[in-house]
Amino acid sequence: MPAVTLSSSRALVRPRPSPRPSLLRTWLQRIRTRRALAALHPDQARDAGLEPWDLRAEIGKPFWRA
């Protein structure tokens, strides 16, 4: 049986996963986190050590702002 070789001018190269999260993933995480903070009861926020003004400032930020 003859051997068949397939040669390609382009090698198959898989992109390496980036060591840091993608920008989209970061934005989605910020959206989820800020929604969770907005859903906290004031007593829960106080138990977590969050001041009301800090909480309002974080919730009010747009997702693209850290």
PDB file of N, CA and C in Angstrom:
ATOM      1  N   MET A   1       0.848  -1.172   0.000  1.00  0.00           N
ATOM      2  CA  MET A   1       0.000   0.000   0.000  1.00  0.00           C
ATOM      3  C   MET A   1       0.898   1.241   0.000  1.00  0.00           C
ATOM      4  N   PRO A   2       0.695   2.156  -0.947  1.00  0.00           N
ATOM      5  CA  PRO A   2       1.556   3.336  -1.017  1.00  0.00           C
ATOM      6  C   PRO A   2       1.240   4.312   0.120  1.00  0.00           C
ATOM      7  N   ALA A   3       2.249   4.973   0.590  1.00  0.00           N
ATOM      8  CA  ALA A   3       2.081   5.972   1.650  1.00  0.00           C
ATOM      9  C   ALA A   3       1.611   7.282   1.027  1.00  0.00           C
ATOM     10  N   VAL A   4       0.683   7.887   1.668  1.00  0.00           N
ATOM     11  CA  VAL A   4       0.162   9.164   1.188  1.00  0.00           C
ATOM     12  C   VAL A   4       0.597  10.240   2.159  1.00  0.00           C
ATOM     13  N   THR A   5       1.203  11.252   1.621  1.00  0.00           N
ATOM     14  CA  THR A   5       1.601  12.380   2.469  1.00  0.00           C
ATOM     15  C   THR A   5       0.881  13.610   1.974  1.00  0.00           C
ATOM     16  N   LEU A   6       0.391  14.337   2.910  1.00  0.00           N
ATOM     17  CA  LEU A   6      -0.276  15.595   2.583  1.00  0.00           C
ATOM     18  C   LEU A   6       0.609  16.730   3.059  1.00  0.00           C
ATOM     19  N   SER A   7       1.027  17.520   2.133  1.00  0.00           N
ATOM     20  CA  SER A   7       1.850  18.659   2.532  1.00  0.00           C
ATOM     21  C   SER A   7       1.028  19.922   2.340  1.00  0.00           C
ATOM     22  N   SER A   8       1.182  20.762   3.246  1.00  0.00           N
ATOM     23  CA  SER A   8       0.454  22.014   3.190  1.00  0.00           C
ATOM     24  C   SER A   8       1.442  23.153   3.328  1.00  0.00           C
ATOM     25  N   SER A   9       1.180  24.195   2.615  1.00  0.00           N
ATOM     26  CA  SER A   9       2.082  25.336   2.727  1.00  0.00           C
ATOM     27  C   SER A   9       1.865  26.067   4.053  1.00  0.00           C
ATOM     28  N   ARG A  10       0.671  25.842   4.653  1.00  0.00           N
ATOM     29  CA  ARG A  10       0.391  26.482   5.935  1.00  0.00           C
ATOM     30  C   ARG A  10       0.313  25.413   7.017  1.00  0.00           C
ATOM     31  N   ALA A  11       1.028  25.635   8.060  1.00  0.00           N
ATOM     32  CA  ALA A  11       0.962  24.709   9.195  1.00  0.00           C
ATOM     33  C   ALA A  11      -0.254  25.083  10.042  1.00  0.00           C
ATOM     34  N   LEU A  12      -0.865  24.085  10.641  1.00  0.00           N
ATOM     35  CA  LEU A  12      -1.995  24.353  11.521  1.00  0.00           C
ATOM     36  C   LEU A  12      -1.464  24.879  12.847  1.00  0.00           C
ATOM     37  N   VAL A  13      -1.805  26.105  13.125  1.00  0.00           N
ATOM     38  CA  VAL A  13      -1.345  26.738  14.358  1.00  0.00           C
ATOM     39  C   VAL A  13      -2.572  27.140  15.153  1.00  0.00           C
ATOM     40  N   ARG A  14      -2.661  26.644  16.342  1.00  0.00           N
ATOM     41  CA  ARG A  14      -3.769  27.030  17.213  1.00  0.00           C
ATOM     42  C   ARG A  14      -3.372  28.250  18.018  1.00  0.00           C
ATOM     43  N   PRO A  15      -4.256  29.223  18.090  1.00  0.00           N
ATOM     44  CA  PRO A  15      -3.908  30.409  18.884  1.00  0.00           C
ATOM     45  C   PRO A  15      -3.849  30.034  20.363  1.00  0.00           C
ATOM     46  N   ARG A  16      -2.860  30.557  21.012  1.00  0.00           N
ATOM     47  CA  ARG A  16      -2.720  30.308  22.445  1.00  0.00           C
ATOM     48  C   ARG A  16      -3.733  31.135  23.207  1.00  0.00           C
ATOM     49  N   PRO A  17      -4.329  30.565  24.238  1.00  0.00           N
ATOM     50  CA  PRO A  17      -5.259  31.372  25.030  1.00  0.00           C
ATOM     51  C   PRO A  17      -4.497  32.497  25.715  1.00  0.00           C
ATOM     52  N   SER A  18      -5.134  33.609  25.766  1.00  0.00           N
ATOM     53  CA  SER A  18      -4.499  34.769  26.368  1.00  0.00           C
ATOM     54  C   SER A  18      -4.405  34.584  27.885  1.00  0.00           C
ATOM     55  N   PRO A  19      -3.309  35.017  28.491  1.00  0.00           N
ATOM     56  CA  PRO A  19      -3.156  34.845  29.929  1.00  0.00           C
ATOM     57  C   PRO A  19      -4.094  35.730  30.735  1.00  0.00           C
ATOM     58  N   ARG A  20      -4.611  36.765  30.141  1.00  0.00           N
ATOM     59  CA  ARG A  20      -5.534  37.645  30.855  1.00  0.00           C
ATOM     60  C   ARG A  20      -6.921  37.512  30.235  1.00  0.00           C
ATOM     61  N   PRO A  21      -7.957  37.819  30.999  1.00  0.00           N
ATOM     62  CA  PRO A  21      -9.309  37.696  30.448  1.00  0.00           C
ATOM     63  C   PRO A  21      -9.537  38.709  29.321  1.00  0.00           C
ATOM     64  N   SER A  22     -10.405  38.354  28.426  1.00  0.00           N
ATOM     65  CA  SER A  22     -10.697  39.257  27.313  1.00  0.00           C
ATOM     66  C   SER A  22     -11.457  40.474  27.826  1.00  0.00           C
ATOM     67  N   LEU A  23     -11.450  41.495  27.030  1.00  0.00           N
ATOM     68  CA  LEU A  23     -12.124  42.729  27.409  1.00  0.00           C
ATOM     69  C   LEU A  23     -13.623  42.493  27.580  1.00  0.00           C
ATOM     70  N   LEU A  24     -14.204  41.736  26.681  1.00  0.00           N
ATOM     71  CA  LEU A  24     -15.634  41.449  26.777  1.00  0.00           C
ATOM     72  C   LEU A  24     -15.946  40.697  28.066  1.00  0.00           C
ATOM     73  N   ARG A  25     -15.135  39.714  28.394  1.00  0.00           N
ATOM     74  CA  ARG A  25     -15.345  38.941  29.621  1.00  0.00           C
ATOM     75  C   ARG A  25     -15.239  39.849  30.853  1.00  0.00           C
ATOM     76  N   THR A  26     -14.285  40.765  30.836  1.00  0.00           N
ATOM     77  CA  THR A  26     -14.127  41.712  31.946  1.00  0.00           C
ATOM     78  C   THR A  26     -15.358  42.590  32.084  1.00  0.00           C
ATOM     79  N   TRP A  27     -15.854  43.100  30.966  1.00  0.00           N
ATOM     80  CA  TRP A  27     -17.040  43.952  31.008  1.00  0.00           C
ATOM     81  C   TRP A  27     -18.257  43.197  31.527  1.00  0.00           C
ATOM     82  N   LEU A  28     -18.445  41.968  31.067  1.00  0.00           N
ATOM     83  CA  LEU A  28     -19.588  41.178  31.527  1.00  0.00           C
ATOM     84  C   LEU A  28     -19.496  40.884  33.019  1.00  0.00           C
ATOM     85  N   GLN A  29     -18.287  40.636  33.490  1.00  0.00           N
ATOM     86  CA  GLN A  29     -18.096  40.396  34.919  1.00  0.00           C
ATOM     87  C   GLN A  29     -18.440  41.645  35.722  1.00  0.00           C
ATOM     88  N   ARG A  30     -18.046  42.811  35.241  1.00  0.00           N
ATOM     89  CA  ARG A  30     -18.380  44.065  35.940  1.00  0.00           C
ATOM     90  C   ARG A  30     -19.885  44.283  35.982  1.00  0.00           C
ATOM     91  N   ILE A  31     -20.562  43.987  34.883  1.00  0.00           N
ATOM     92  CA  ILE A  31     -22.020  44.144  34.847  1.00  0.00           C
ATOM     93  C   ILE A  31     -22.667  43.235  35.884  1.00  0.00           C
ATOM     94  N   ARG A  32     -22.251  41.961  35.915  1.00  0.00           N
ATOM     95  CA  ARG A  32     -22.833  41.009  36.885  1.00  0.00           C
ATOM     96  C   ARG A  32     -22.546  41.432  38.315  1.00  0.00           C
ATOM     97  N   THR A  33     -21.328  41.871  38.570  1.00  0.00           N
ATOM     98  CA  THR A  33     -20.947  42.274  39.921  1.00  0.00           C
ATOM     99  C   THR A  33     -21.747  43.481  40.376  1.00  0.00           C
ATOM    100  N   ARG A  34     -21.888  44.458  39.512  1.00  0.00           N
ATOM    101  CA  ARG A  34     -22.611  45.679  39.901  1.00  0.00           C
ATOM    102  C   ARG A  34     -24.101  45.422  40.068  1.00  0.00           C
ATOM    103  N   ARG A  35     -24.647  44.509  39.294  1.00  0.00           N
ATOM    104  CA  ARG A  35     -26.048  44.137  39.498  1.00  0.00           C
ATOM    105  C   ARG A  35     -26.232  43.418  40.824  1.00  0.00           C
ATOM    106  N   ALA A  36     -25.265  42.567  41.170  1.00  0.00           N
ATOM    107  CA  ALA A  36     -25.336  41.862  42.455  1.00  0.00           C
ATOM    108  C   ALA A  36     -25.221  42.849  43.610  1.00  0.00           C
ATOM    109  N   LEU A  37     -24.356  43.828  43.469  1.00  0.00           N
ATOM    110  CA  LEU A  37     -24.236  44.850  44.513  1.00  0.00           C
ATOM    111  C   LEU A  37     -25.530  45.651  44.649  1.00  0.00           C
ATOM    112  N   ALA A  38     -26.160  45.957  43.519  1.00  0.00           N
ATOM    113  CA  ALA A  38     -27.409  46.721  43.546  1.00  0.00           C
ATOM    114  C   ALA A  38     -28.531  45.925  44.204  1.00  0.00           C
ATOM    115  N   ALA A  39     -28.451  44.598  44.144  1.00  0.00           N
ATOM    116  CA  ALA A  39     -29.502  43.758  44.711  1.00  0.00           C
ATOM    117  C   ALA A  39     -29.324  43.524  46.215  1.00  0.00           C
ATOM    118  N   LEU A  40     -28.196  43.951  46.775  1.00  0.00           N
ATOM    119  CA  LEU A  40     -27.959  43.739  48.200  1.00  0.00           C
ATOM    120  C   LEU A  40     -28.919  44.563  49.055  1.00  0.00           C
ATOM    121  N   HIS A  41     -29.372  43.967  50.111  1.00  0.00           N
ATOM    122  CA  HIS A  41     -30.153  44.685  51.120  1.00  0.00           C
ATOM    123  C   HIS A  41     -29.163  45.549  51.904  1.00  0.00           C
ATOM    124  N   PRO A  42     -29.577  46.721  52.377  1.00  0.00           N
ATOM    125  CA  PRO A  42     -28.642  47.592  53.122  1.00  0.00           C
ATOM    126  C   PRO A  42     -27.964  46.884  54.298  1.00  0.00           C
ATOM    127  N   ASP A  43     -28.690  46.005  54.972  1.00  0.00           N
ATOM    128  CA  ASP A  43     -28.077  45.270  56.085  1.00  0.00           C
ATOM    129  C   ASP A  43     -26.968  44.340  55.593  1.00  0.00           C
ATOM    130  N   GLN A  44     -27.177  43.728  54.425  1.00  0.00           N
ATOM    131  CA  GLN A  44     -26.146  42.858  53.863  1.00  0.00           C
ATOM    132  C   GLN A  44     -24.902  43.659  53.481  1.00  0.00           C
ATOM    133  N   ALA A  45     -25.109  44.829  52.919  1.00  0.00           N
ATOM    134  CA  ALA A  45     -23.984  45.681  52.533  1.00  0.00           C
ATOM    135  C   ALA A  45     -23.193  46.100  53.773  1.00  0.00           C
ATOM    136  N   ARG A  46     -23.894  46.461  54.830  1.00  0.00           N
ATOM    137  CA  ARG A  46     -23.206  46.836  56.074  1.00  0.00           C
ATOM    138  C   ARG A  46     -22.441  45.650  56.647  1.00  0.00           C
ATOM    139  N   ASP A  47     -23.038  44.452  56.589  1.00  0.00           N
ATOM    140  CA  ASP A  47     -22.351  43.255  57.084  1.00  0.00           C
ATOM    141  C   ASP A  47     -21.083  42.972  56.291  1.00  0.00           C
ATOM    142  N   ALA A  48     -21.100  43.310  55.013  1.00  0.00           N
ATOM    143  CA  ALA A  48     -19.931  43.095  54.157  1.00  0.00           C
ATOM    144  C   ALA A  48     -18.901  44.213  54.313  1.00  0.00           C
ATOM    145  N   GLY A  49     -19.228  45.228  55.100  1.00  0.00           N
ATOM    146  CA  GLY A  49     -18.300  46.330  55.326  1.00  0.00           C
ATOM    147  C   GLY A  49     -18.320  47.379  54.229  1.00  0.00           C
ATOM    148  N   LEU A  50     -19.406  47.429  53.476  1.00  0.00           N
ATOM    149  CA  LEU A  50     -19.527  48.406  52.388  1.00  0.00           C
ATOM    150  C   LEU A  50     -20.299  49.624  52.873  1.00  0.00           C
ATOM    151  N   GLU A  51     -19.734  50.775  52.638  1.00  0.00           N
ATOM    152  CA  GLU A  51     -20.405  52.021  53.002  1.00  0.00           C
ATOM    153  C   GLU A  51     -21.417  52.367  51.912  1.00  0.00           C
ATOM    154  N   PRO A  52     -22.543  52.955  52.288  1.00  0.00           N
ATOM    155  CA  PRO A  52     -23.583  53.252  51.290  1.00  0.00           C
ATOM    156  C   PRO A  52     -23.102  54.140  50.142  1.00  0.00           C
ATOM    157  N   TRP A  53     -22.280  55.132  50.437  1.00  0.00           N
ATOM    158  CA  TRP A  53     -21.816  56.035  49.376  1.00  0.00           C
ATOM    159  C   TRP A  53     -20.842  55.321  48.435  1.00  0.00           C
ATOM    160  N   ASP A  54     -20.015  54.429  48.982  1.00  0.00           N
ATOM    161  CA  ASP A  54     -19.122  53.650  48.117  1.00  0.00           C
ATOM    162  C   ASP A  54     -19.924  52.701  47.224  1.00  0.00           C
ATOM    163  N   LEU A  55     -20.952  52.119  47.806  1.00  0.00           N
ATOM    164  CA  LEU A  55     -21.803  51.196  47.060  1.00  0.00           C
ATOM    165  C   LEU A  55     -22.516  51.921  45.914  1.00  0.00           C
ATOM    166  N   ARG A  56     -23.082  53.084  46.210  1.00  0.00           N
ATOM    167  CA  ARG A  56     -23.771  53.857  45.163  1.00  0.00           C
ATOM    168  C   ARG A  56     -22.800  54.282  44.064  1.00  0.00           C
ATOM    169  N   ALA A  57     -21.592  54.658  44.461  1.00  0.00           N
ATOM    170  CA  ALA A  57     -20.598  55.084  43.465  1.00  0.00           C
ATOM    171  C   ALA A  57     -20.223  53.916  42.550  1.00  0.00           C
ATOM    172  N   GLU A  58     -20.051  52.721  43.115  1.00  0.00           N
ATOM    173  CA  GLU A  58     -19.678  51.552  42.307  1.00  0.00           C
ATOM    174  C   GLU A  58     -20.822  51.130  41.390  1.00  0.00           C
ATOM    175  N   ILE A  59     -22.040  51.134  41.913  1.00  0.00           N
ATOM    176  CA  ILE A  59     -23.199  50.728  41.118  1.00  0.00           C
ATOM    177  C   ILE A  59     -23.436  51.701  39.964  1.00  0.00           C
ATOM    178  N   GLY A  60     -23.149  52.968  40.189  1.00  0.00           N
ATOM    179  CA  GLY A  60     -23.405  53.991  39.178  1.00  0.00           C
ATOM    180  C   GLY A  60     -22.395  54.047  38.044  1.00  0.00           C
ATOM    181  N   LYS A  61     -21.288  53.325  38.166  1.00  0.00           N
ATOM    182  CA  LYS A  61     -20.270  53.360  37.117  1.00  0.00           C
ATOM    183  C   LYS A  61     -20.737  52.589  35.881  1.00  0.00           C
ATOM    184  N   PRO A  62     -20.377  53.076  34.700  1.00  0.00           N
ATOM    185  CA  PRO A  62     -20.647  52.272  33.494  1.00  0.00           C
ATOM    186  C   PRO A  62     -19.730  51.057  33.455  1.00  0.00           C
ATOM    187  N   PHE A  63     -20.111  50.033  32.719  1.00  0.00           N
ATOM    188  CA  PHE A  63     -19.367  48.774  32.714  1.00  0.00           C
ATOM    189  C   PHE A  63     -17.953  48.916  32.191  1.00  0.00           C
ATOM    190  N   TRP A  64     -17.678  49.908  31.380  1.00  0.00           N
ATOM    191  CA  TRP A  64     -16.344  50.029  30.805  1.00  0.00           C
ATOM    192  C   TRP A  64     -15.384  50.744  31.755  1.00  0.00           C
ATOM    193  N   ARG A  65     -15.882  51.292  32.859  1.00  0.00           N
ATOM    194  CA  ARG A  65     -15.025  51.979  33.805  1.00  0.00           C
ATOM    195  C   ARG A  65     -14.691  51.064  34.968  1.00  0.00           C
ATOM    196  N   ALA A  66     -13.424  50.962  35.291  1.00  0.00           N
ATOM    197  CA  ALA A  66     -12.975  50.102  36.399  1.00  0.00           C
ATOM    198  C   ALA A  66     -13.211  50.764  37.743  1.00  0.00           C
TER     199      ALA A  66
END
